[in-house]
């Protein structure tokens, strides 16, 4: 699977620093032992804790790169632009996989079906109607691709998922890369406000099915399935 999937893990300063316990717990919960793993660290300052955390990250058996006060966008791109495989697993540092998932089956399905551009792992039960702000989330079972259970969704998210690299770089990055921050005081709200709302606007204009054919975002699983991932919340996590 190493020649097909790269794991991109994004981290920044959190209360448990300089411990790497949280990011290690996140990575170890996913079956990615055979994959190239890239850690991107948004080093907000040059405090001793920050320096010690970066040193600890570099001691892990993965590639690790830092960006000085890059905030969310540069932190993500610092890893994604190093990806050389057709797919990558996007993974912020505070998620845990809680259901058995065969990542290779997902990648194989994406290879056979070029319209699948993102397969996200659900953080809540797979039930439609969650309030996404402008629109209640749409979840529709996919009937064309039946090798794995998939739900067509109106969601675009930074939450854990397998992403088609070319789609992300060519079409989604330009939507947010050089835009002014909508929430300048929120380091973790610098990508989704542009990509997700762009998708929602297209749904409102063209209808869900037509917009979805272009975006190709899916949730893994069947309707009613329990969550696949648990948010460990780095803001409150303690070692």
Protein backbone atom coordinates (compact mmCIF):
# COMPACT_ATOMS: atom_id res chain seq x y z
CA UNK A 1 0.00 0.00 0.00
CA UNK A 2 3.03 2.28 0.36
CA UNK A 3 3.04 3.13 -3.34
CA UNK A 4 -0.63 4.17 -3.22
CA UNK A 5 -1.26 5.88 0.13
CA UNK A 6 0.69 8.43 2.18
CA UNK A 7 -0.33 9.46 5.69
CA UNK A 8 -0.24 13.20 6.45
CA UNK A 9 -0.44 14.03 10.15
CA UNK A 10 -0.89 17.64 11.22
CA UNK A 11 0.02 18.91 14.66
CA UNK A 12 0.58 22.12 16.59
CA UNK A 13 1.15 23.25 20.16
CA UNK A 14 -1.28 21.68 22.61
CA UNK A 15 -1.36 21.46 26.41
CA UNK A 16 0.18 17.96 26.43
CA UNK A 17 3.34 19.16 24.63
CA UNK A 18 6.17 18.22 24.61
CA UNK A 19 4.75 14.71 25.01
CA UNK A 20 4.06 12.88 21.76
CA UNK A 21 1.60 10.49 23.42
CA UNK A 22 -1.43 11.96 21.64
CA UNK A 23 -0.04 11.89 18.12
CA UNK A 24 1.35 8.38 18.68
CA UNK A 25 -2.06 7.21 19.89
CA UNK A 26 -3.66 8.70 16.78
CA UNK A 27 -1.23 7.13 14.31
CA UNK A 28 -1.19 3.72 15.98
CA UNK A 29 -5.00 3.45 15.81
CA UNK A 30 -4.91 3.38 11.98
CA UNK A 31 -3.59 0.37 10.00
CA UNK A 32 -0.85 2.35 8.25
CA UNK A 33 2.31 0.56 9.31
CA UNK A 34 3.35 -0.04 5.70
CA UNK A 35 2.71 3.54 4.55
CA UNK A 36 4.98 6.55 4.35
CA UNK A 37 4.01 8.82 7.26
CA UNK A 38 4.67 12.57 7.18
CA UNK A 39 4.20 14.74 10.27
CA UNK A 40 3.79 18.47 9.73
CA UNK A 41 4.28 20.61 12.82
CA UNK A 42 3.02 24.17 12.99
CA UNK A 43 5.56 25.60 15.43
CA UNK A 44 3.83 28.70 16.75
CA UNK A 45 6.76 30.10 18.70
CA UNK A 46 10.31 29.40 19.84
CA UNK A 47 9.49 28.58 23.44
CA UNK A 48 11.32 25.73 25.11
CA UNK A 49 8.17 23.60 25.06
CA UNK A 50 7.82 24.10 21.30
CA UNK A 51 11.46 23.25 20.69
CA UNK A 52 11.24 20.19 22.91
CA UNK A 53 8.07 19.01 21.13
CA UNK A 54 9.69 19.31 17.71
CA UNK A 55 12.72 17.40 18.97
CA UNK A 56 10.44 14.67 20.33
CA UNK A 57 8.54 14.47 17.05
CA UNK A 58 11.79 14.05 15.12
CA UNK A 59 12.67 11.07 17.31
CA UNK A 60 9.57 9.21 16.12
CA UNK A 61 10.10 6.74 13.23
CA UNK A 62 8.41 9.05 10.71
CA UNK A 63 9.32 11.97 8.50
CA UNK A 64 8.80 15.24 10.34
CA UNK A 65 8.87 18.80 9.01
CA UNK A 66 7.96 22.03 10.70
CA UNK A 67 6.70 25.38 9.50
CA UNK A 68 7.25 28.47 11.65
CA UNK A 69 3.88 29.88 12.73
CA UNK A 70 2.34 28.59 9.51
CA UNK A 71 -1.10 28.10 11.02
CA UNK A 72 -3.50 25.58 9.53
CA UNK A 73 -3.11 26.21 5.80
CA UNK A 74 0.68 26.11 5.62
CA UNK A 75 0.78 23.24 8.08
CA UNK A 76 -1.47 21.14 5.84
CA UNK A 77 0.31 22.07 2.63
CA UNK A 78 3.72 21.47 4.25
CA UNK A 79 2.84 17.76 4.26
CA UNK A 80 0.46 17.43 1.31
CA UNK A 81 2.89 19.04 -1.15
CA UNK A 82 5.39 16.28 -0.27
CA UNK A 83 2.95 13.49 -1.17
CA UNK A 84 4.01 11.37 -4.16
CA UNK A 85 1.19 8.81 -4.07
CA UNK A 86 -2.23 9.12 -5.73
CA UNK A 87 -3.98 9.17 -2.34
CA UNK A 88 -3.28 10.45 1.15
CA UNK A 89 -4.86 9.96 4.55
CA UNK A 90 -5.45 13.37 6.16
CA UNK A 91 -5.12 13.07 9.89
CA UNK A 92 -5.03 15.77 12.51
CA UNK A 93 -3.20 14.79 15.67
CA UNK A 94 -6.20 14.09 17.92
CA UNK A 95 -8.32 11.39 16.30
CA UNK A 96 -8.64 7.70 17.06
CA UNK A 97 -9.99 5.03 14.73
CA UNK A 98 -12.55 3.02 16.71
CA UNK A 99 -13.90 0.66 14.03
CA UNK A 100 -12.12 -1.89 11.88
CA UNK A 101 -11.51 -0.40 8.43
CA UNK A 102 -9.61 -1.86 5.47
CA UNK A 103 -7.87 1.15 3.94
CA UNK A 104 -6.67 -0.81 0.94
CA UNK A 105 -10.26 -1.70 0.02
CA UNK A 106 -11.10 2.02 0.02
CA UNK A 107 -8.07 2.89 -2.12
CA UNK A 108 -8.89 0.09 -4.57
CA UNK A 109 -12.46 1.37 -4.88
CA UNK A 110 -11.19 4.90 -5.52
CA UNK A 111 -8.82 3.61 -8.19
CA UNK A 112 -11.67 1.90 -10.02
CA UNK A 113 -14.02 4.87 -9.69
CA UNK A 114 -12.48 8.21 -10.58
CA UNK A 115 -15.44 10.20 -9.27
CA UNK A 116 -14.65 9.25 -5.67
CA UNK A 117 -12.37 12.03 -4.45
CA UNK A 118 -12.68 11.80 -0.67
CA UNK A 119 -13.84 9.10 1.74
CA UNK A 120 -14.26 10.49 5.24
CA UNK A 121 -14.54 8.51 8.45
CA UNK A 122 -17.65 9.53 10.38
CA UNK A 123 -17.30 11.18 13.78
CA UNK A 124 -21.03 10.82 14.50
CA UNK A 125 -23.61 8.19 13.61
CA UNK A 126 -24.34 8.06 9.89
CA UNK A 127 -27.68 9.85 10.01
CA UNK A 128 -28.67 12.67 7.64
CA UNK A 129 -29.89 16.04 8.85
CA UNK A 130 -26.97 17.30 10.94
CA UNK A 131 -27.00 21.10 10.88
CA UNK A 132 -24.13 22.27 8.67
CA UNK A 133 -25.14 25.91 8.97
CA UNK A 134 -26.74 26.77 5.64
CA UNK A 135 -27.87 23.23 4.87
CA UNK A 136 -28.82 20.09 6.74
CA UNK A 137 -26.27 17.43 5.88
CA UNK A 138 -27.28 15.16 3.02
CA UNK A 139 -26.36 11.47 3.15
CA UNK A 140 -27.41 9.25 0.25
CA UNK A 141 -26.35 5.59 -0.16
CA UNK A 142 -24.11 5.08 -3.17
CA UNK A 143 -25.54 2.30 -5.35
CA UNK A 144 -23.11 2.41 -8.28
CA UNK A 145 -19.95 1.39 -6.39
CA UNK A 146 -20.77 -1.58 -4.19
CA UNK A 147 -17.38 -3.02 -3.24
CA UNK A 148 -17.43 -0.94 -0.02
CA UNK A 149 -20.27 0.84 1.79
CA UNK A 150 -20.34 4.54 0.89
CA UNK A 151 -22.69 7.46 1.47
CA UNK A 152 -22.70 10.46 -0.85
CA UNK A 153 -22.44 13.54 1.34
CA UNK A 154 -22.79 17.32 1.21
CA UNK A 155 -19.82 17.58 3.56
CA UNK A 156 -16.26 18.72 2.85
CA UNK A 157 -14.06 18.46 5.91
CA UNK A 158 -10.56 18.31 7.38
CA UNK A 159 -11.64 15.33 9.49
CA UNK A 160 -9.88 11.99 8.90
CA UNK A 161 -10.34 10.58 5.43
CA UNK A 162 -8.64 9.25 2.33
CA UNK A 163 -8.24 11.94 -0.31
CA UNK A 164 -7.40 11.86 -4.01
CA UNK A 165 -4.17 13.88 -4.14
CA UNK A 166 -4.58 15.42 -7.59
CA UNK A 167 -8.14 16.59 -6.88
CA UNK A 168 -7.06 18.21 -3.63
CA UNK A 169 -4.02 19.96 -5.09
CA UNK A 170 -5.49 21.00 -8.43
CA UNK A 171 -9.01 22.01 -7.46
CA UNK A 172 -9.41 22.39 -3.70
CA UNK A 173 -6.17 24.11 -2.68
CA UNK A 174 -6.86 27.12 -4.98
CA UNK A 175 -10.14 27.67 -3.14
CA UNK A 176 -8.37 28.55 0.10
CA UNK A 177 -4.62 28.99 -0.37
CA UNK A 178 -4.45 32.76 -0.87
CA UNK A 179 -7.77 33.84 0.62
CA UNK A 180 -7.90 36.29 3.57
CA UNK A 181 -8.73 34.61 6.86
CA UNK A 182 -12.43 34.75 7.76
CA UNK A 183 -11.62 33.90 11.38
CA UNK A 184 -8.09 35.34 11.93
CA UNK A 185 -8.18 34.41 15.63
CA UNK A 186 -8.98 30.74 14.93
CA UNK A 187 -5.99 28.80 13.67
CA UNK A 188 -8.11 25.74 12.86
CA UNK A 189 -10.69 27.58 10.70
CA UNK A 190 -8.63 28.53 7.66
CA UNK A 191 -9.56 25.85 5.13
CA UNK A 192 -13.09 24.54 5.67
CA UNK A 193 -14.84 27.95 5.58
CA UNK A 194 -13.80 28.24 1.94
CA UNK A 195 -14.05 24.68 0.64
CA UNK A 196 -17.15 23.49 2.52
CA UNK A 197 -19.18 26.63 1.88
CA UNK A 198 -18.18 26.65 -1.79
CA UNK A 199 -19.58 23.13 -2.08
CA UNK A 200 -22.77 24.13 -0.27
CA UNK A 201 -23.24 27.13 -2.56
CA UNK A 202 -22.90 24.87 -5.59
CA UNK A 203 -25.46 22.45 -4.15
CA UNK A 204 -27.90 25.31 -3.60
CA UNK A 205 -27.38 26.50 -7.19
CA UNK A 206 -27.24 23.20 -9.10
CA UNK A 207 -28.82 20.62 -6.81
CA UNK A 208 -27.09 17.95 -4.76
CA UNK A 209 -26.61 15.23 -7.37
CA UNK A 210 -25.03 17.50 -9.99
CA UNK A 211 -22.74 19.21 -7.47
CA UNK A 212 -21.75 15.90 -5.93
CA UNK A 213 -20.66 14.51 -9.30
CA UNK A 214 -18.01 17.25 -9.38
CA UNK A 215 -16.94 17.16 -5.72
CA UNK A 216 -17.13 13.41 -5.10
CA UNK A 217 -17.09 13.43 -1.29
CA UNK A 218 -18.28 10.37 0.62
CA UNK A 219 -18.72 9.10 4.15
CA UNK A 220 -17.54 5.55 4.80
CA UNK A 221 -20.21 3.11 5.94
CA UNK A 222 -23.95 2.55 5.76
CA UNK A 223 -26.80 4.67 7.04
CA UNK A 224 -27.14 4.21 10.79
CA UNK A 225 -23.56 3.04 11.34
CA UNK A 226 -21.88 4.13 14.56
CA UNK A 227 -18.87 6.50 14.42
CA UNK A 228 -15.64 5.26 12.86
CA UNK A 229 -13.43 7.82 14.61
CA UNK A 230 -13.35 9.47 18.02
CA UNK A 231 -12.18 13.05 18.48
CA UNK A 232 -9.70 13.07 21.37
CA UNK A 233 -9.57 16.90 21.41
CA UNK A 234 -5.99 18.02 21.77
CA UNK A 235 -7.13 21.19 23.55
CA UNK A 236 -8.15 19.18 26.61
CA UNK A 237 -6.06 16.01 26.26
CA UNK A 238 -3.68 15.34 29.14
CA UNK A 239 -1.00 12.70 29.46
